[in-house]
PDB file of N, CA and C in Angstrom:
ATOM      1  N   MET A   1      36.952  58.316   9.252  1.00  0.00           N
ATOM      2  CA  MET A   1      36.976  58.718   8.085  1.00  0.00           C
ATOM      3  C   MET A   1      38.134  59.700   8.007  1.00  0.00           C
ATOM      4  N   THR A   2      38.352  59.244   6.623  1.00  0.00           N
ATOM      5  CA  THR A   2      39.505  59.911   5.933  1.00  0.00           C
ATOM      6  C   THR A   2      39.737  61.159   5.369  1.00  0.00           C
ATOM      7  N   ASP A   3      38.615  61.738   4.962  1.00  0.00           N
ATOM      8  CA  ASP A   3      38.244  63.292   4.714  1.00  0.00           C
ATOM      9  C   ASP A   3      37.655  63.965   5.796  1.00  0.00           C
ATOM     10  N   LYS A   4      37.831  64.742   6.625  1.00  0.00           N
ATOM     11  CA  LYS A   4      36.981  64.809   7.617  1.00  0.00           C
ATOM     12  C   LYS A   4      36.072  66.249   6.886  1.00  0.00           C
ATOM     13  N   SER A   5      36.504  66.501   5.820  1.00  0.00           N
ATOM     14  CA  SER A   5      35.562  68.043   5.651  1.00  0.00           C
ATOM     15  C   SER A   5      34.215  67.423   5.118  1.00  0.00           C
ATOM     16  N   LYS A   6      34.396  66.201   5.259  1.00  0.00           N
ATOM     17  CA  LYS A   6      32.882  65.550   4.803  1.00  0.00           C
ATOM     18  C   LYS A   6      31.963  65.193   5.768  1.00  0.00           C
ATOM     19  N   VAL A   7      32.657  65.281   6.574  1.00  0.00           N
ATOM     20  CA  VAL A   7      31.653  64.856   8.305  1.00  0.00           C
ATOM     21  C   VAL A   7      30.542  65.579   8.186  1.00  0.00           C
ATOM     22  N   GLN A   8      29.873  66.467   7.670  1.00  0.00           N
ATOM     23  CA  GLN A   8      28.583  66.856   7.884  1.00  0.00           C
ATOM     24  C   GLN A   8      28.066  66.270   6.306  1.00  0.00           C
ATOM     25  N   ASP A   9      28.774  65.852   5.659  1.00  0.00           N
ATOM     26  CA  ASP A   9      27.745  66.047   4.387  1.00  0.00           C
ATOM     27  C   ASP A   9      27.094  64.069   4.352  1.00  0.00           C
ATOM     28  N   LEU A  10      26.062  65.009   4.722  1.00  0.00           N
ATOM     29  CA  LEU A  10      25.015  62.887   5.041  1.00  0.00           C
ATOM     30  C   LEU A  10      25.065  62.558   3.593  1.00  0.00           C
ATOM     31  N   ASN A  11      24.998  63.072   2.658  1.00  0.00           N
ATOM     32  CA  ASN A  11      24.987  61.871   1.792  1.00  0.00           C
ATOM     33  C   ASN A  11      26.156  61.274   1.165  1.00  0.00           C
ATOM     34  N   TYR A  12      27.495  61.573   1.693  1.00  0.00           N
ATOM     35  CA  TYR A  12      28.397  61.125   1.222  1.00  0.00           C
ATOM     36  C   TYR A  12      28.671  59.898   2.587  1.00  0.00           C
ATOM     37  N   LEU A  13      28.309  60.585   3.788  1.00  0.00           N
ATOM     38  CA  LEU A  13      28.361  59.337   5.130  1.00  0.00           C
ATOM     39  C   LEU A  13      27.693  58.112   4.519  1.00  0.00           C
ATOM     40  N   LEU A  14      26.024  58.510   3.954  1.00  0.00           N
ATOM     41  CA  LEU A  14      24.819  56.897   3.927  1.00  0.00           C
ATOM     42  C   LEU A  14      25.740  56.462   2.310  1.00  0.00           C
ATOM     43  N   THR A  15      26.676  57.325   1.520  1.00  0.00           N
ATOM     44  CA  THR A  15      26.651  56.046   0.325  1.00  0.00           C
ATOM     45  C   THR A  15      28.187  55.426  -0.164  1.00  0.00           C
ATOM     46  N   GLN A  16      28.980  56.462   0.873  1.00  0.00           N
ATOM     47  CA  GLN A  16      30.523  55.824   0.641  1.00  0.00           C
ATOM     48  C   GLN A  16      30.920  54.099   1.462  1.00  0.00           C
ATOM     49  N   SER A  17      31.761  53.776   0.460  1.00  0.00           N
ATOM     50  CA  SER A  17      31.862  52.162   0.780  1.00  0.00           C
ATOM     51  C   SER A  17      32.334  51.945   2.567  1.00  0.00           C
ATOM     52  N   SER A  18      32.747  51.069   3.534  1.00  0.00           N
ATOM     53  CA  SER A  18      32.992  50.987   4.313  1.00  0.00           C
ATOM     54  C   SER A  18      34.644  51.624   4.482  1.00  0.00           C
ATOM     55  N   THR A  19      35.091  50.947   3.642  1.00  0.00           N
ATOM     56  CA  THR A  19      36.719  51.389   3.725  1.00  0.00           C
ATOM     57  C   THR A  19      37.293  52.826   3.514  1.00  0.00           C
ATOM     58  N   LYS A  20      36.315  53.274   3.029  1.00  0.00           N
ATOM     59  CA  LYS A  20      36.787  54.932   3.097  1.00  0.00           C
ATOM     60  C   LYS A  20      36.311  55.639   4.692  1.00  0.00           C
ATOM     61  N   PHE A  21      36.412  54.616   5.282  1.00  0.00           N
ATOM     62  CA  PHE A  21      36.374  55.012   6.955  1.00  0.00           C
ATOM     63  C   PHE A  21      37.174  53.974   7.722  1.00  0.00           C
ATOM     64  N   THR A  22      37.977  54.841   9.292  1.00  0.00           N
ATOM     65  CA  THR A  22      38.645  54.349   9.351  1.00  0.00           C
ATOM     66  C   THR A  22      38.089  54.242  11.099  1.00  0.00           C
ATOM     67  N   PRO A  23      38.288  53.024  11.442  1.00  0.00           N
ATOM     68  CA  PRO A  23      38.174  51.930  11.142  1.00  0.00           C
ATOM     69  C   PRO A  23      37.230  51.889  10.121  1.00  0.00           C
ATOM     70  N   PRO A  24      37.285  50.877   9.083  1.00  0.00           N
ATOM     71  CA  PRO A  24      36.058  50.454   8.374  1.00  0.00           C
ATOM     72  C   PRO A  24      34.649  50.087   9.566  1.00  0.00           C
ATOM     73  N   THR A  25      33.512  50.497   8.930  1.00  0.00           N
ATOM     74  CA  THR A  25      32.423  50.498   9.401  1.00  0.00           C
ATOM     75  C   THR A  25      30.915  50.134   8.643  1.00  0.00           C
ATOM     76  N   ALA A  26      30.175  49.521   9.079  1.00  0.00           N
ATOM     77  CA  ALA A  26      29.271  49.618   8.224  1.00  0.00           C
ATOM     78  C   ALA A  26      27.626  50.882   7.976  1.00  0.00           C
ATOM     79  N   ILE A  27      27.510  50.706   6.925  1.00  0.00           N
ATOM     80  CA  ILE A  27      26.893  51.670   6.340  1.00  0.00           C
ATOM     81  C   ILE A  27      25.888  51.915   6.948  1.00  0.00           C
ATOM     82  N   PRO A  28      24.836  52.904   7.512  1.00  0.00           N
ATOM     83  CA  PRO A  28      23.652  53.189   8.188  1.00  0.00           C
ATOM     84  C   PRO A  28      22.675  52.284   7.865  1.00  0.00           C
ATOM     85  N   GLY A  29      22.040  51.344   8.944  1.00  0.00           N
ATOM     86  CA  GLY A  29      20.828  50.710   8.800  1.00  0.00           C
ATOM     87  C   GLY A  29      21.481  49.054   8.218  1.00  0.00           C
ATOM     88  N   TRP A  30      23.075  48.851   8.462  1.00  0.00           N
ATOM     89  CA  TRP A  30      23.427  47.332   8.094  1.00  0.00           C
ATOM     90  C   TRP A  30      24.602  47.028   9.809  1.00  0.00           C
ATOM     91  N   SER A  31      24.409  48.035  10.715  1.00  0.00           N
ATOM     92  CA  SER A  31      25.356  47.583  12.111  1.00  0.00           C
ATOM     93  C   SER A  31      24.553  47.123  12.993  1.00  0.00           C
ATOM     94  N   ASN A  32      24.905  45.898  13.330  1.00  0.00           N
ATOM     95  CA  ASN A  32      24.023  45.805  14.560  1.00  0.00           C
ATOM     96  C   ASN A  32      24.497  45.748  16.266  1.00  0.00           C
ATOM     97  N   HIS A  33      25.171  47.589  15.962  1.00  0.00           N
ATOM     98  CA  HIS A  33      24.668  48.231  16.828  1.00  0.00           C
ATOM     99  C   HIS A  33      23.358  48.879  16.923  1.00  0.00           C
ATOM    100  N   GLN A  34      23.201  49.355  15.198  1.00  0.00           N
ATOM    101  CA  GLN A  34      21.852  49.718  15.072  1.00  0.00           C
ATOM    102  C   GLN A  34      20.374  49.246  15.829  1.00  0.00           C
ATOM    103  N   ASP A  35      20.425  47.901  15.699  1.00  0.00           N
ATOM    104  CA  ASP A  35      19.246  47.011  16.453  1.00  0.00           C
ATOM    105  C   ASP A  35      19.847  46.470  17.972  1.00  0.00           C
ATOM    106  N   GLY A  36      21.137  46.533  18.336  1.00  0.00           N
ATOM    107  CA  GLY A  36      20.661  46.500  19.541  1.00  0.00           C
ATOM    108  C   GLY A  36      21.739  45.034  20.229  1.00  0.00           C
ATOM    109  N   THR A  37      21.974  44.299  18.844  1.00  0.00           N
ATOM    110  CA  THR A  37      22.768  43.473  19.582  1.00  0.00           C
ATOM    111  C   THR A  37      23.869  43.469  19.666  1.00  0.00           C
ATOM    112  N   ALA A  38      24.710  44.305  19.279  1.00  0.00           N
ATOM    113  CA  ALA A  38      26.712  44.686  19.630  1.00  0.00           C
ATOM    114  C   ALA A  38      26.522  45.597  20.190  1.00  0.00           C
ATOM    115  N   ILE A  39      27.654  45.855  20.877  1.00  0.00           N
ATOM    116  CA  ILE A  39      27.792  46.893  21.665  1.00  0.00           C
ATOM    117  C   ILE A  39      29.692  46.852  22.416  1.00  0.00           C
ATOM    118  N   ASP A  40      30.265  48.436  22.168  1.00  0.00           N
ATOM    119  CA  ASP A  40      32.043  48.205  22.296  1.00  0.00           C
ATOM    120  C   ASP A  40      31.379  48.482  22.969  1.00  0.00           C
ATOM    121  N   PHE A  41      32.557  47.574  24.356  1.00  0.00           N
ATOM    122  CA  PHE A  41      33.433  48.312  25.555  1.00  0.00           C
ATOM    123  C   PHE A  41      34.621  48.619  25.628  1.00  0.00           C
ATOM    124  N   GLN A  42      35.246  49.770  26.142  1.00  0.00           N
ATOM    125  CA  GLN A  42      35.732  49.909  26.251  1.00  0.00           C
ATOM    126  C   GLN A  42      36.888  49.402  26.831  1.00  0.00           C
ATOM    127  N   THR A  43      37.692  48.598  26.269  1.00  0.00           N
ATOM    128  CA  THR A  43      39.003  47.911  27.001  1.00  0.00           C
ATOM    129  C   THR A  43      40.309  48.113  26.136  1.00  0.00           C
ATOM    130  N   LYS A  44      41.230  47.413  26.234  1.00  0.00           N
ATOM    131  CA  LYS A  44      42.722  47.774  26.492  1.00  0.00           C
ATOM    132  C   LYS A  44      42.840  48.139  25.135  1.00  0.00           C
ATOM    133  N   ASP A  45      42.573  47.925  24.008  1.00  0.00           N
ATOM    134  CA  ASP A  45      42.777  48.353  22.788  1.00  0.00           C
ATOM    135  C   ASP A  45      42.342  50.128  22.710  1.00  0.00           C
ATOM    136  N   LEU A  46      41.320  50.532  23.428  1.00  0.00           N
ATOM    137  CA  LEU A  46      41.090  51.883  23.560  1.00  0.00           C
ATOM    138  C   LEU A  46      41.761  52.709  24.510  1.00  0.00           C
ATOM    139  N   LEU A  47      41.691  52.050  25.273  1.00  0.00           N
ATOM    140  CA  LEU A  47      42.766  53.295  26.355  1.00  0.00           C
ATOM    141  C   LEU A  47      43.240  51.767  27.364  1.00  0.00           C
ATOM    142  N   SER A  48      44.214  51.767  27.596  1.00  0.00           N
ATOM    143  CA  SER A  48      45.274  50.638  28.122  1.00  0.00           C
ATOM    144  C   SER A  48      45.567  51.587  29.651  1.00  0.00           C
ATOM    145  N   THR A  49      44.458  50.995  30.232  1.00  0.00           N
ATOM    146  CA  THR A  49      44.714  50.950  31.771  1.00  0.00           C
ATOM    147  C   THR A  49      44.215  49.813  33.030  1.00  0.00           C
ATOM    148  N   PRO A  50      44.825  49.251  33.740  1.00  0.00           N
ATOM    149  CA  PRO A  50      44.682  48.001  34.478  1.00  0.00           C
ATOM    150  C   PRO A  50      43.772  48.047  34.625  1.00  0.00           C
ATOM    151  N   GLU A  51      42.825  48.484  34.978  1.00  0.00           N
ATOM    152  CA  GLU A  51      40.765  48.483  35.240  1.00  0.00           C
ATOM    153  C   GLU A  51      40.304  48.193  33.473  1.00  0.00           C
ATOM    154  N   ASN A  52      40.855  48.758  32.533  1.00  0.00           N
ATOM    155  CA  ASN A  52      40.122  48.208  31.495  1.00  0.00           C
ATOM    156  C   ASN A  52      41.123  46.921  30.943  1.00  0.00           C
ATOM    157  N   GLU A  53      41.800  46.351  31.322  1.00  0.00           N
ATOM    158  CA  GLU A  53      43.076  45.198  30.772  1.00  0.00           C
ATOM    159  C   GLU A  53      41.905  44.267  32.162  1.00  0.00           C
ATOM    160  N   ALA A  54      41.482  44.610  33.440  1.00  0.00           N
ATOM    161  CA  ALA A  54      41.032  43.238  34.071  1.00  0.00           C
ATOM    162  C   ALA A  54      39.545  42.936  33.062  1.00  0.00           C
ATOM    163  N   ALA A  55      38.896  44.836  32.542  1.00  0.00           N
ATOM    164  CA  ALA A  55      37.464  44.533  32.507  1.00  0.00           C
ATOM    165  C   ALA A  55      37.474  43.225  31.012  1.00  0.00           C
ATOM    166  N   TYR A  56      38.984  43.291  30.122  1.00  0.00           N
ATOM    167  CA  TYR A  56      38.590  42.357  29.197  1.00  0.00           C
ATOM    168  C   TYR A  56      38.166  41.138  29.940  1.00  0.00           C
ATOM    169  N   ALA A  57      39.852  41.087  30.412  1.00  0.00           N
ATOM    170  CA  ALA A  57      40.106  39.683  31.236  1.00  0.00           C
ATOM    171  C   ALA A  57      38.667  38.693  31.757  1.00  0.00           C
ATOM    172  N   TRP A  58      37.471  39.909  32.138  1.00  0.00           N
ATOM    173  CA  TRP A  58      36.436  39.437  32.772  1.00  0.00           C
ATOM    174  C   TRP A  58      35.589  38.985  31.467  1.00  0.00           C
ATOM    175  N   LEU A  59      35.216  40.029  30.389  1.00  0.00           N
ATOM    176  CA  LEU A  59      34.191  39.838  29.375  1.00  0.00           C
ATOM    177  C   LEU A  59      35.148  38.252  28.976  1.00  0.00           C
ATOM    178  N   VAL A  60      36.219  37.998  28.340  1.00  0.00           N
ATOM    179  CA  VAL A  60      36.658  36.732  27.684  1.00  0.00           C
ATOM    180  C   VAL A  60      36.676  35.737  28.449  1.00  0.00           C
ATOM    181  N   SER A  61      36.431  36.149  30.029  1.00  0.00           N
ATOM    182  CA  SER A  61      35.924  34.924  30.807  1.00  0.00           C
ATOM    183  C   SER A  61      35.029  34.326  31.469  1.00  0.00           C
ATOM    184  N   ASN A  62      34.000  35.768  31.006  1.00  0.00           N
ATOM    185  CA  ASN A  62      32.383  35.380  31.420  1.00  0.00           C
ATOM    186  C   ASN A  62      31.251  36.013  30.249  1.00  0.00           C
ATOM    187  N   ALA A  63      31.668  36.579  29.170  1.00  0.00           N
ATOM    188  CA  ALA A  63      31.069  37.254  28.559  1.00  0.00           C
ATOM    189  C   ALA A  63      30.317  36.256  27.533  1.00  0.00           C
ATOM    190  N   ILE A  64      30.438  35.094  27.628  1.00  0.00           N
ATOM    191  CA  ILE A  64      29.662  34.181  26.809  1.00  0.00           C
ATOM    192  C   ILE A  64      28.516  33.267  27.519  1.00  0.00           C
ATOM    193  N   GLY A  65      28.753  33.508  29.006  1.00  0.00           N
ATOM    194  CA  GLY A  65      27.466  32.992  29.990  1.00  0.00           C
ATOM    195  C   GLY A  65      26.506  33.925  29.698  1.00  0.00           C
ATOM    196  N   TYR A  66      26.443  35.192  28.985  1.00  0.00           N
ATOM    197  CA  TYR A  66      25.621  36.599  29.224  1.00  0.00           C
ATOM    198  C   TYR A  66      25.567  36.613  27.513  1.00  0.00           C
ATOM    199  N   GLY A  67      25.621  35.412  26.750  1.00  0.00           N
ATOM    200  CA  GLY A  67      25.552  35.444  25.212  1.00  0.00           C
ATOM    201  C   GLY A  67      26.147  36.653  24.300  1.00  0.00           C
ATOM    202  N   PHE A  68      27.256  36.617  24.729  1.00  0.00           N
ATOM    203  CA  PHE A  68      28.575  37.579  23.996  1.00  0.00           C
ATOM    204  C   PHE A  68      29.377  36.764  23.612  1.00  0.00           C
ATOM    205  N   VAL A  69      29.486  37.302  22.657  1.00  0.00           N
ATOM    206  CA  VAL A  69      30.939  36.950  21.573  1.00  0.00           C
ATOM    207  C   VAL A  69      31.441  38.131  20.960  1.00  0.00           C
ATOM    208  N   ARG A  70      32.626  37.927  20.662  1.00  0.00           N
ATOM    209  CA  ARG A  70      33.680  38.920  20.193  1.00  0.00           C
ATOM    210  C   ARG A  70      33.024  38.509  17.859  1.00  0.00           C
ATOM    211  N   THR A  71      33.088  39.080  17.341  1.00  0.00           N
ATOM    212  CA  THR A  71      32.928  38.598  15.993  1.00  0.00           C
ATOM    213  C   THR A  71      33.656  39.611  14.929  1.00  0.00           C
ATOM    214  N   VAL A  72      34.505  40.416  15.324  1.00  0.00           N
ATOM    215  CA  VAL A  72      35.715  41.274  14.892  1.00  0.00           C
ATOM    216  C   VAL A  72      37.216  40.775  15.117  1.00  0.00           C
ATOM    217  N   LEU A  73      37.944  40.497  14.382  1.00  0.00           N
ATOM    218  CA  LEU A  73      39.095  39.973  14.616  1.00  0.00           C
ATOM    219  C   LEU A  73      39.914  41.289  15.076  1.00  0.00           C
ATOM    220  N   SER A  74      39.875  42.427  14.733  1.00  0.00           N
ATOM    221  CA  SER A  74      40.797  43.732  14.602  1.00  0.00           C
ATOM    222  C   SER A  74      40.155  44.573  16.041  1.00  0.00           C
ATOM    223  N   GLU A  75      38.994  44.274  16.754  1.00  0.00           N
ATOM    224  CA  GLU A  75      38.628  44.980  17.305  1.00  0.00           C
ATOM    225  C   GLU A  75      38.237  44.500  19.205  1.00  0.00           C
ATOM    226  N   ARG A  76      39.254  44.329  19.623  1.00  0.00           N
ATOM    227  CA  ARG A  76      38.866  43.428  21.260  1.00  0.00           C
ATOM    228  C   ARG A  76      37.360  44.316  21.285  1.00  0.00           C
ATOM    229  N   TRP A  77      36.892  45.262  21.338  1.00  0.00           N
ATOM    230  CA  TRP A  77      35.914  45.973  22.657  1.00  0.00           C
ATOM    231  C   TRP A  77      34.534  45.260  21.468  1.00  0.00           C
ATOM    232  N   HIS A  78      34.572  44.628  20.556  1.00  0.00           N
ATOM    233  CA  HIS A  78      33.607  45.038  19.932  1.00  0.00           C
ATOM    234  C   HIS A  78      32.499  43.512  20.349  1.00  0.00           C
ATOM    235  N   TRP A  79      32.066  43.640  20.807  1.00  0.00           N
ATOM    236  CA  TRP A  79      31.082  41.930  21.160  1.00  0.00           C
ATOM    237  C   TRP A  79      30.028  41.743  20.706  1.00  0.00           C
ATOM    238  N   GLU A  80      29.002  41.132  20.544  1.00  0.00           N
ATOM    239  CA  GLU A  80      27.318  40.727  20.033  1.00  0.00           C
ATOM    240  C   GLU A  80      27.213  39.536  20.311  1.00  0.00           C
ATOM    241  N   TYR A  81      25.876  40.464  20.953  1.00  0.00           N
ATOM    242  CA  TYR A  81      24.903  39.278  21.719  1.00  0.00           C
ATOM    243  C   TYR A  81      24.184  37.831  20.397  1.00  0.00           C
ATOM    244  N   LYS A  82      24.871  36.611  20.818  1.00  0.00           N
ATOM    245  CA  LYS A  82      24.434  35.831  19.667  1.00  0.00           C
ATOM    246  C   LYS A  82      24.206  34.509  21.153  1.00  0.00           C
ATOM    247  N   PRO A  83      23.350  34.478  21.502  1.00  0.00           N
ATOM    248  CA  PRO A  83      22.977  33.279  22.690  1.00  0.00           C
ATOM    249  C   PRO A  83      23.169  31.999  21.815  1.00  0.00           C
ATOM    250  N   GLY A  84      23.687  31.184  22.331  1.00  0.00           N
ATOM    251  CA  GLY A  84      23.975  29.640  21.799  1.00  0.00           C
ATOM    252  C   GLY A  84      24.822  29.499  20.653  1.00  0.00           C
ATOM    253  N   ALA A  85      25.467  30.885  20.534  1.00  0.00           N
ATOM    254  CA  ALA A  85      26.764  30.160  19.940  1.00  0.00           C
ATOM    255  C   ALA A  85      28.035  30.038  20.377  1.00  0.00           C
ATOM    256  N   ALA A  86      28.970  29.260  19.789  1.00  0.00           N
ATOM    257  CA  ALA A  86      30.492  29.135  20.504  1.00  0.00           C
ATOM    258  C   ALA A  86      31.054  29.986  20.382  1.00  0.00           C
ATOM    259  N   GLN A  87      31.679  30.033  21.544  1.00  0.00           N
ATOM    260  CA  GLN A  87      32.326  31.180  22.147  1.00  0.00           C
ATOM    261  C   GLN A  87      33.768  31.376  21.011  1.00  0.00           C
ATOM    262  N   PHE A  88      33.989  30.905  20.177  1.00  0.00           N
ATOM    263  CA  PHE A  88      35.223  31.064  19.475  1.00  0.00           C
ATOM    264  C   PHE A  88      34.533  31.288  18.020  1.00  0.00           C
ATOM    265  N   SER A  89      33.188  31.188  17.771  1.00  0.00           N
ATOM    266  CA  SER A  89      32.611  31.608  16.376  1.00  0.00           C
ATOM    267  C   SER A  89      33.128  32.467  15.564  1.00  0.00           C
ATOM    268  N   GLY A  90      33.433  33.562  16.304  1.00  0.00           N
ATOM    269  CA  GLY A  90      33.700  34.915  15.562  1.00  0.00           C
ATOM    270  C   GLY A  90      35.167  35.005  15.341  1.00  0.00           C
ATOM    271  N   VAL A  91      35.559  35.123  16.698  1.00  0.00           N
ATOM    272  CA  VAL A  91      37.107  35.199  16.522  1.00  0.00           C
ATOM    273  C   VAL A  91      37.718  33.982  17.252  1.00  0.00           C
ATOM    274  N   PRO A  92      38.603  32.956  16.288  1.00  0.00           N
ATOM    275  CA  PRO A  92      39.160  31.769  16.935  1.00  0.00           C
ATOM    276  C   PRO A  92      40.018  31.931  18.095  1.00  0.00           C
ATOM    277  N   LYS A  93      39.795  30.968  18.379  1.00  0.00           N
ATOM    278  CA  LYS A  93      40.595  30.605  19.951  1.00  0.00           C
ATOM    279  C   LYS A  93      41.878  30.910  19.817  1.00  0.00           C
ATOM    280  N   ASP A  94      42.820  31.097  19.153  1.00  0.00           N
ATOM    281  CA  ASP A  94      44.373  31.145  18.828  1.00  0.00           C
ATOM    282  C   ASP A  94      44.685  32.546  18.401  1.00  0.00           C
ATOM    283  N   HIS A  95      43.505  33.260  18.235  1.00  0.00           N
ATOM    284  CA  HIS A  95      44.292  34.842  17.597  1.00  0.00           C
ATOM    285  C   HIS A  95      44.491  35.559  18.662  1.00  0.00           C
ATOM    286  N   ALA A  96      45.398  35.810  18.452  1.00  0.00           N
ATOM    287  CA  ALA A  96      46.409  36.900  19.069  1.00  0.00           C
ATOM    288  C   ALA A  96      45.016  37.917  20.384  1.00  0.00           C
ATOM    289  N   THR A  97      44.477  38.348  19.577  1.00  0.00           N
ATOM    290  CA  THR A  97      43.815  39.229  20.353  1.00  0.00           C
ATOM    291  C   THR A  97      42.912  38.982  21.705  1.00  0.00           C
ATOM    292  N   TRP A  98      43.250  37.499  21.668  1.00  0.00           N
ATOM    293  CA  TRP A  98      42.702  37.095  22.812  1.00  0.00           C
ATOM    294  C   TRP A  98      43.641  37.284  24.016  1.00  0.00           C
ATOM    295  N   ASP A  99      44.798  37.760  23.541  1.00  0.00           N
ATOM    296  CA  ASP A  99      45.848  37.818  24.855  1.00  0.00           C
ATOM    297  C   ASP A  99      46.665  36.744  25.789  1.00  0.00           C
ATOM    298  N   GLY A 100      46.274  35.661  25.162  1.00  0.00           N
ATOM    299  CA  GLY A 100      46.557  34.405  25.923  1.00  0.00           C
ATOM    300  C   GLY A 100      45.625  34.356  27.117  1.00  0.00           C
ATOM    301  N   LEU A 101      44.198  35.204  26.934  1.00  0.00           N
ATOM    302  CA  LEU A 101      43.476  35.380  28.094  1.00  0.00           C
ATOM    303  C   LEU A 101      42.138  33.548  27.854  1.00  0.00           C
ATOM    304  N   VAL A 102      42.666  32.764  26.940  1.00  0.00           N
ATOM    305  CA  VAL A 102      42.060  32.002  27.087  1.00  0.00           C
ATOM    306  C   VAL A 102      43.080  30.193  26.382  1.00  0.00           C
TER     307      VAL A 102
END
């Protein structure tokens, strides 16, 4: 959020466009996190450690087997549960954020 003075202003938080926030966010009631179909995993973008890089590599190789795919180009950490979806239906196989792991 750009204007930190609004952090407690519920009306502002509920009515502003997602472009007012960094990174852009879904408005309340429209996030796939809310209905339990999306999850953010702490991976290399959020905190680059060997453990997190290994976790990201594991997700790239195995998440599809559990029905999870990446759906946001700019967020390596955001995965959604979409059983039956093609692995690269959200983020194309040739996208740089796969870091050469596919």
